[in-house]
Amino acid sequence: MIVERTEYKGQPVLILKRNENDKYPFSFGLSKARLIIEGIEDIKKFVAENDNKEEKK
């Protein structure tokens, strides 16, 4: 994963890319970063519960 820092309208933004050629990177600012941190355990649980479903396809 590639992590880049940038700004949007003077506000800090993180951009997450799967690779350098990722057509659809995931970007978010400080407010959403705080939400992610608050919900990280639920996010981990979600991935764990659904990760096997992806492999079965």
C-alpha atoms as a PDB file:
ATOM      1  CA  MET A   1       0.000   0.000   0.000  1.00  0.00           C
ATOM      2  CA  ILE A   2       1.138   3.512  -0.785  1.00  0.00           C
ATOM      3  CA  VAL A   3       0.219   6.347   1.593  1.00  0.00           C
ATOM      4  CA  GLU A   4       0.441   9.930   0.424  1.00  0.00           C
ATOM      5  CA  ARG A   5      -0.206  13.152   2.293  1.00  0.00           C
ATOM      6  CA  THR A   6      -1.667  16.135   0.505  1.00  0.00           C
ATOM      7  CA  GLU A   7      -4.011  19.062   1.073  1.00  0.00           C
ATOM      8  CA  TYR A   8      -7.487  19.923  -0.148  1.00  0.00           C
ATOM      9  CA  LYS A   9      -8.684  23.499   0.339  1.00  0.00           C
ATOM     10  CA  GLY A  10      -5.925  23.983   2.909  1.00  0.00           C
ATOM     11  CA  GLN A  11      -6.873  20.918   4.946  1.00  0.00           C
ATOM     12  CA  PRO A  12      -4.668  17.813   5.383  1.00  0.00           C
ATOM     13  CA  VAL A  13      -5.696  14.691   3.458  1.00  0.00           C
ATOM     14  CA  LEU A  14      -4.373  11.122   3.339  1.00  0.00           C
ATOM     15  CA  ILE A  15      -4.536   9.099   0.148  1.00  0.00           C
ATOM     16  CA  LEU A  16      -4.279   5.292   0.287  1.00  0.00           C
ATOM     17  CA  LYS A  17      -3.406   3.432  -2.913  1.00  0.00           C
ATOM     18  CA  ARG A  18      -3.106  -0.295  -3.555  1.00  0.00           C
ATOM     19  CA  ASN A  19      -0.216   0.470  -5.930  1.00  0.00           C
ATOM     20  CA  GLU A  20       1.180   3.366  -7.946  1.00  0.00           C
ATOM     21  CA  ASN A  21      -1.342   2.783 -10.758  1.00  0.00           C
ATOM     22  CA  ASP A  22      -4.437   2.556  -8.534  1.00  0.00           C
ATOM     23  CA  LYS A  23      -7.273   4.192 -10.475  1.00  0.00           C
ATOM     24  CA  TYR A  24      -9.507   4.568  -7.433  1.00  0.00           C
ATOM     25  CA  PRO A  25      -7.464   5.603  -4.387  1.00  0.00           C
ATOM     26  CA  PHE A  26      -9.119   6.048  -0.999  1.00  0.00           C
ATOM     27  CA  SER A  27      -8.760   9.554   0.400  1.00  0.00           C
ATOM     28  CA  PHE A  28      -9.952  11.128   3.625  1.00  0.00           C
ATOM     29  CA  GLY A  29      -9.340  14.069   5.888  1.00  0.00           C
ATOM     30  CA  LEU A  30      -8.877  14.537   9.593  1.00  0.00           C
ATOM     31  CA  SER A  31     -12.557  14.212  10.500  1.00  0.00           C
ATOM     32  CA  LYS A  32     -12.930  10.838   8.783  1.00  0.00           C
ATOM     33  CA  ALA A  33      -9.537   9.725  10.120  1.00  0.00           C
ATOM     34  CA  ARG A  34     -10.875  10.276  13.635  1.00  0.00           C
ATOM     35  CA  LEU A  35     -13.969   8.188  12.808  1.00  0.00           C
ATOM     36  CA  ILE A  36     -11.763   5.393  11.468  1.00  0.00           C
ATOM     37  CA  ILE A  37      -9.687   5.418  14.662  1.00  0.00           C
ATOM     38  CA  GLU A  38     -12.846   5.322  16.816  1.00  0.00           C
ATOM     39  CA  GLY A  39     -14.242   2.421  14.818  1.00  0.00           C
ATOM     40  CA  ILE A  40     -11.019   0.481  14.155  1.00  0.00           C
ATOM     41  CA  GLU A  41     -12.075  -2.547  16.222  1.00  0.00           C
ATOM     42  CA  ASP A  42     -15.391  -2.772  14.373  1.00  0.00           C
ATOM     43  CA  ILE A  43     -13.539  -2.389  11.074  1.00  0.00           C
ATOM     44  CA  LYS A  44     -11.155  -5.213  12.009  1.00  0.00           C
ATOM     45  CA  LYS A  45     -14.112  -7.399  13.010  1.00  0.00           C
ATOM     46  CA  PHE A  46     -15.879  -6.620   9.712  1.00  0.00           C
ATOM     47  CA  VAL A  47     -12.804  -7.632   7.718  1.00  0.00           C
ATOM     48  CA  ALA A  48     -12.326 -10.819   9.729  1.00  0.00           C
ATOM     49  CA  GLU A  49     -15.972 -11.837   9.290  1.00  0.00           C
ATOM     50  CA  ASN A  50     -16.022 -11.148   5.567  1.00  0.00           C
ATOM     51  CA  ASP A  51     -12.478 -11.920   4.432  1.00  0.00           C
ATOM     52  CA  ASN A  52     -13.205 -15.637   4.021  1.00  0.00           C
ATOM     53  CA  LYS A  53     -16.208 -14.855   1.822  1.00  0.00           C
ATOM     54  CA  GLU A  54     -13.928 -13.099  -0.682  1.00  0.00           C
ATOM     55  CA  GLU A  55     -11.599 -16.109  -0.855  1.00  0.00           C
ATOM     56  CA  LYS A  56     -14.494 -18.530  -1.531  1.00  0.00           C
ATOM     57  CA  LYS A  57     -15.524 -16.716  -4.735  1.00  0.00           C
END
